[in-house]
Protein backbone atom coordinates (compact mmCIF):
# COMPACT_ATOMS: atom_id res chain seq x y z
CA MET A 1 -19.91 -27.35 24.82
CA LEU A 2 -17.20 -24.73 24.33
CA ARG A 3 -13.94 -25.61 26.00
CA VAL A 4 -11.15 -23.05 26.01
CA PHE A 5 -7.61 -23.41 27.25
CA PHE A 6 -4.83 -20.88 27.58
CA SER A 7 -1.33 -22.19 27.13
CA LEU A 8 2.11 -20.76 26.43
CA PHE A 9 4.91 -22.25 24.35
CA LEU A 10 8.34 -20.72 23.92
CA ILE A 11 8.18 -20.85 20.14
CA ILE A 12 7.88 -17.82 17.87
CA PRO A 13 9.04 -17.32 14.28
CA TRP A 14 11.35 -14.49 13.31
CA PHE A 15 11.59 -13.58 9.66
CA SER A 16 15.11 -13.34 8.23
CA PHE A 17 13.58 -12.51 4.84
CA ALA A 18 10.33 -10.84 3.83
CA GLY A 19 8.98 -11.14 0.31
CA VAL A 20 8.41 -13.79 -2.34
CA SER A 21 10.96 -16.19 -3.75
CA LEU A 22 11.03 -19.50 -5.60
CA SER A 23 12.59 -22.75 -4.41
CA GLU A 24 12.35 -25.42 -7.11
CA GLN A 25 8.59 -25.93 -7.58
CA ARG A 26 7.56 -24.09 -4.42
CA ILE A 27 6.82 -20.40 -3.87
CA ILE A 28 8.13 -19.07 -0.54
CA TYR A 29 5.95 -16.22 0.77
CA GLN A 30 7.13 -14.46 3.92
CA GLY A 31 5.82 -11.36 5.65
CA GLU A 32 2.76 -9.21 5.14
CA ILE A 33 0.20 -10.19 2.52
CA SER A 34 0.58 -7.26 0.15
CA ALA A 35 -0.29 -6.26 -3.41
CA LYS A 36 3.40 -6.33 -4.34
CA ASN A 37 3.90 -9.83 -2.97
CA ASN A 38 0.70 -11.11 -4.58
CA GLN A 39 1.74 -9.67 -7.94
CA HIS A 40 5.07 -11.46 -7.63
CA VAL A 41 3.21 -14.72 -6.96
CA ALA A 42 0.99 -14.19 -10.02
CA GLN A 43 4.04 -13.47 -12.17
CA LEU A 44 5.84 -16.61 -11.02
CA LEU A 45 2.76 -18.74 -11.67
CA ALA A 46 2.46 -17.31 -15.17
CA GLU A 47 6.12 -17.91 -15.95
CA GLN A 48 6.59 -21.26 -14.16
CA PRO A 49 3.70 -23.65 -14.90
CA ASN A 50 5.41 -26.44 -12.92
CA ILE A 51 4.92 -24.65 -9.56
CA ASN A 52 2.84 -26.90 -7.32
CA SER A 53 2.89 -25.34 -3.86
CA ILE A 54 3.30 -22.24 -1.71
CA GLN A 55 4.94 -22.07 1.69
CA ILE A 56 3.69 -19.09 3.69
CA THR A 57 4.83 -17.43 6.89
CA SER A 58 2.67 -14.38 7.51
CA GLY A 59 0.94 -12.33 10.17
CA GLY A 60 -1.75 -11.41 7.64
CA GLY A 61 -2.64 -8.20 5.87
CA ASN A 62 -5.48 -6.52 4.02
CA VAL A 63 -8.66 -8.64 3.89
CA ASP A 64 -9.15 -8.34 0.13
CA LEU A 65 -5.48 -9.03 -0.57
CA GLY A 66 -5.72 -12.15 1.58
CA MET A 67 -8.65 -13.35 -0.51
CA ASP A 68 -6.81 -12.40 -3.72
CA LEU A 69 -3.93 -14.67 -2.70
CA ALA A 70 -6.32 -17.47 -1.75
CA GLU A 71 -8.06 -17.22 -5.12
CA LEU A 72 -4.69 -17.44 -6.89
CA ILE A 73 -3.92 -20.60 -4.94
CA LEU A 74 -7.30 -22.11 -5.79
CA ALA A 75 -7.01 -21.19 -9.47
CA HIS A 76 -3.66 -23.00 -9.71
CA ASN A 77 -4.63 -25.88 -7.42
CA LEU A 78 -1.60 -25.34 -5.19
CA LYS A 79 -0.65 -27.07 -2.00
CA VAL A 80 -0.12 -24.75 0.97
CA HIS A 81 2.53 -25.37 3.62
CA VAL A 82 2.62 -23.60 6.99
CA LYS A 83 5.87 -24.36 8.79
CA GLN A 84 6.10 -21.45 11.24
CA PHE A 85 3.34 -18.88 11.53
CA CYS A 86 -0.01 -18.04 9.92
CA PHE A 87 -2.29 -15.45 11.49
CA SER A 88 -5.18 -13.13 10.58
CA SER A 89 -5.79 -12.99 6.79
CA CYS A 90 -3.30 -15.82 6.30
CA ALA A 91 -5.39 -18.15 8.48
CA ASN A 92 -8.74 -16.67 7.38
CA TYR A 93 -8.23 -17.35 3.68
CA VAL A 94 -4.89 -18.79 2.57
CA LEU A 95 -5.07 -21.69 5.01
CA LEU A 96 -8.41 -22.74 3.50
CA ALA A 97 -7.24 -22.58 -0.11
CA GLY A 98 -4.58 -25.30 -0.18
CA ASN A 99 -5.13 -28.63 -1.88
CA PRO A 100 -4.22 -29.70 0.69
CA THR A 101 -2.77 -27.43 3.40
CA THR A 102 -0.19 -28.97 5.70
CA ILE A 103 0.65 -27.52 9.10
CA ALA A 104 4.01 -28.37 10.66
CA LYS A 105 4.27 -29.64 14.23
CA ASN A 106 5.45 -26.39 15.84
CA ALA A 107 3.57 -23.90 13.64
CA ILE A 108 1.43 -21.20 15.25
CA VAL A 109 -1.94 -20.66 13.55
CA GLY A 110 -4.43 -18.11 14.81
CA TRP A 111 -7.49 -15.99 14.13
CA HIS A 112 -8.72 -12.69 15.50
CA GLY A 113 -11.83 -11.73 13.52
CA ASP A 114 -13.65 -11.43 10.21
CA ALA A 115 -13.95 -8.68 7.60
CA ALA A 116 -16.67 -6.96 9.63
CA SER A 117 -14.31 -6.56 12.57
CA ALA A 118 -12.00 -4.46 10.37
CA ARG A 119 -14.59 -1.66 10.32
CA TRP A 120 -13.11 1.79 10.94
CA ARG A 121 -14.12 3.32 14.25
CA ASP A 122 -15.63 6.79 14.34
CA SER A 123 -12.65 7.91 16.43
CA ASP A 124 -10.29 6.85 13.61
CA ILE A 125 -12.15 9.10 11.18
CA ASP A 126 -12.26 11.90 13.75
CA ALA A 127 -8.45 11.89 13.75
CA MET A 128 -8.35 12.11 9.96
CA VAL A 129 -10.41 15.31 9.80
CA THR A 130 -9.26 17.03 12.96
CA HIS A 131 -7.27 19.60 10.96
CA LEU A 132 -10.33 20.75 8.98
CA LYS A 133 -12.83 23.48 9.84
CA GLU A 134 -16.61 23.37 9.60
CA PRO A 135 -18.55 22.78 7.42
CA GLU A 136 -15.78 21.02 5.44
CA LYS A 137 -14.93 18.89 8.48
CA THR A 138 -18.43 17.36 8.76
CA THR A 139 -18.74 16.89 5.00
CA LYS A 140 -15.39 15.11 4.79
CA TRP A 141 -16.17 12.98 7.85
CA GLN A 142 -19.45 11.77 6.37
CA ALA A 143 -17.80 11.03 3.01
CA LEU A 144 -15.07 8.97 4.68
CA ARG A 145 -17.58 7.08 6.84
CA THR A 146 -19.59 6.16 3.74
CA GLN A 147 -16.49 5.20 1.78
CA TYR A 148 -15.07 2.92 4.46
CA ASP A 149 -18.45 1.33 5.21
CA GLU A 150 -18.88 0.48 1.52
CA ILE A 151 -15.41 -1.09 1.39
CA ILE A 152 -16.13 -3.26 4.43
CA ALA A 153 -19.58 -4.25 3.13
CA LYS A 154 -18.04 -5.48 -0.13
CA ALA A 155 -15.32 -7.35 1.74
CA MET A 156 -17.92 -8.98 4.01
CA ALA A 157 -19.96 -10.17 1.02
CA ARG A 158 -16.85 -11.50 -0.70
CA GLU A 159 -15.75 -13.28 2.46
CA LYS A 160 -19.13 -14.96 2.94
CA ALA A 161 -19.04 -16.13 -0.71
CA PHE A 162 -15.51 -17.49 -0.25
CA TYR A 163 -16.53 -19.47 2.82
CA ALA A 164 -19.63 -20.81 1.08
CA LYS A 165 -17.48 -21.95 -1.85
CA ARG A 166 -15.05 -23.71 0.48
CA GLY A 167 -17.88 -25.26 2.50
CA VAL A 168 -16.46 -23.89 5.77
CA LYS A 169 -18.60 -22.41 8.53
CA HIS A 170 -18.07 -18.66 8.78
CA ASP A 171 -18.19 -19.08 12.58
CA LEU A 172 -14.50 -19.93 12.27
CA LEU A 173 -13.84 -16.18 12.18
CA THR A 174 -16.28 -15.02 14.85
CA ILE A 175 -16.41 -17.54 17.71
CA GLY A 176 -13.52 -15.81 19.45
CA LEU A 177 -15.40 -12.49 19.33
CA SER A 178 -18.04 -13.67 21.80
CA LYS A 179 -18.27 -11.74 25.09
CA GLU A 180 -17.03 -14.74 27.05
CA LEU A 181 -13.90 -15.22 24.95
CA LYS A 182 -13.24 -11.50 24.65
CA ARG A 183 -13.12 -11.30 28.43
CA ALA A 184 -10.78 -14.30 28.55
CA ALA A 185 -8.55 -12.78 25.87
CA VAL A 186 -8.29 -9.47 27.72
CA ALA A 187 -7.54 -11.23 31.00
CA GLN A 188 -4.83 -13.37 29.41
CA LYS A 189 -3.58 -10.63 27.04
CA ALA A 190 -4.19 -12.98 24.12
CA ARG A 191 -3.75 -11.73 20.56
CA GLY A 192 -6.46 -14.02 19.21
CA TRP A 193 -7.39 -17.67 19.26
CA SER A 194 -6.58 -21.03 17.72
CA TYR A 195 -8.53 -24.28 17.37
CA SER A 196 -7.92 -27.93 18.07
CA LYS A 197 -8.18 -30.39 15.20
CA LYS A 198 -11.55 -31.52 16.53
CA ALA A 199 -12.90 -27.96 16.63
CA LEU A 200 -11.68 -27.28 13.08
CA ASN A 201 -13.41 -30.43 11.87
CA THR A 202 -16.63 -29.25 13.54
CA LEU A 203 -16.32 -26.03 11.52
CA ASN A 204 -16.02 -28.08 8.30
CA VAL A 205 -12.35 -27.31 7.71
CA SER A 206 -11.48 -30.41 5.69
CA ASN A 207 -8.49 -29.48 3.51
CA ILE A 208 -5.86 -29.49 6.27
CA GLU A 209 -3.36 -32.26 6.92
CA PHE A 210 -2.26 -31.83 10.52
CA ALA A 211 0.38 -34.55 10.92
CA ASP A 212 1.32 -34.19 14.62
CA TRP A 213 0.39 -30.49 14.90
CA GLN A 214 -1.47 -29.25 17.96
CA PRO A 215 -2.71 -25.66 18.48
CA ARG A 216 -0.24 -23.57 20.41
CA SER A 217 0.80 -20.05 21.27
CA ALA A 218 4.04 -18.29 22.12
CA LYS A 219 5.19 -16.36 25.15
CA SER A 220 5.36 -13.22 23.03
CA PHE A 221 2.25 -14.14 20.99
CA PRO A 222 -0.34 -15.65 23.36
CA LEU A 223 -3.50 -17.22 21.94
CA LEU A 224 -6.61 -18.74 23.47
CA ILE A 225 -6.97 -22.39 22.47
CA ILE A 226 -10.52 -23.44 21.61
CA ASP A 227 -10.56 -27.16 22.19
CA GLU A 228 -14.16 -28.22 21.62
CA LEU A 229 -17.34 -26.74 20.11
CA GLU A 230 -20.95 -27.72 20.57
């Protein structure tokens, strides 16, 4: 049985600082998951072998960069702390990499799709070649379509391998893309979805320490709450 709730909480994080810093033995990662920020993390880990955790507040970023950061965390056996906000690539990958991951009481955690859902639409490519004339326009369009499809295919394979390694069901990233939940999300203007502890356990997410956390959304960042899975 799939039980979905929609609820609003007046809690939303605002970032006073974006980037990577170090606080004692903990890396503080705030803002977009980016190559620059990941490189800073790798540099700190190389220079400071006593680092034992990473605290992240992020709305996500590039799929491969999200997996790069998760692999760094796994390689160094770091704890992950989510105190405010973790969405998209942050929840897809970083959340699953901590040993363990702790989620604070008022943190917002959400998902909105997998690597496949990042596929470029034909209309996006149309806009990129609109200034060209035929036959160059068609040739360029086809080259871009092939290029982007190959990038997504590689990301999808990498994502599936990551989930297999972590022992987590890949459905975590796709349940909210069902027709039923898409309709609910559109009706409620939801940005994505979150899961109850019970639903996460059903999906084999076992590395998270919840304390007294419950899934929630914000007035300016509404999420569907998936309470129970079959």
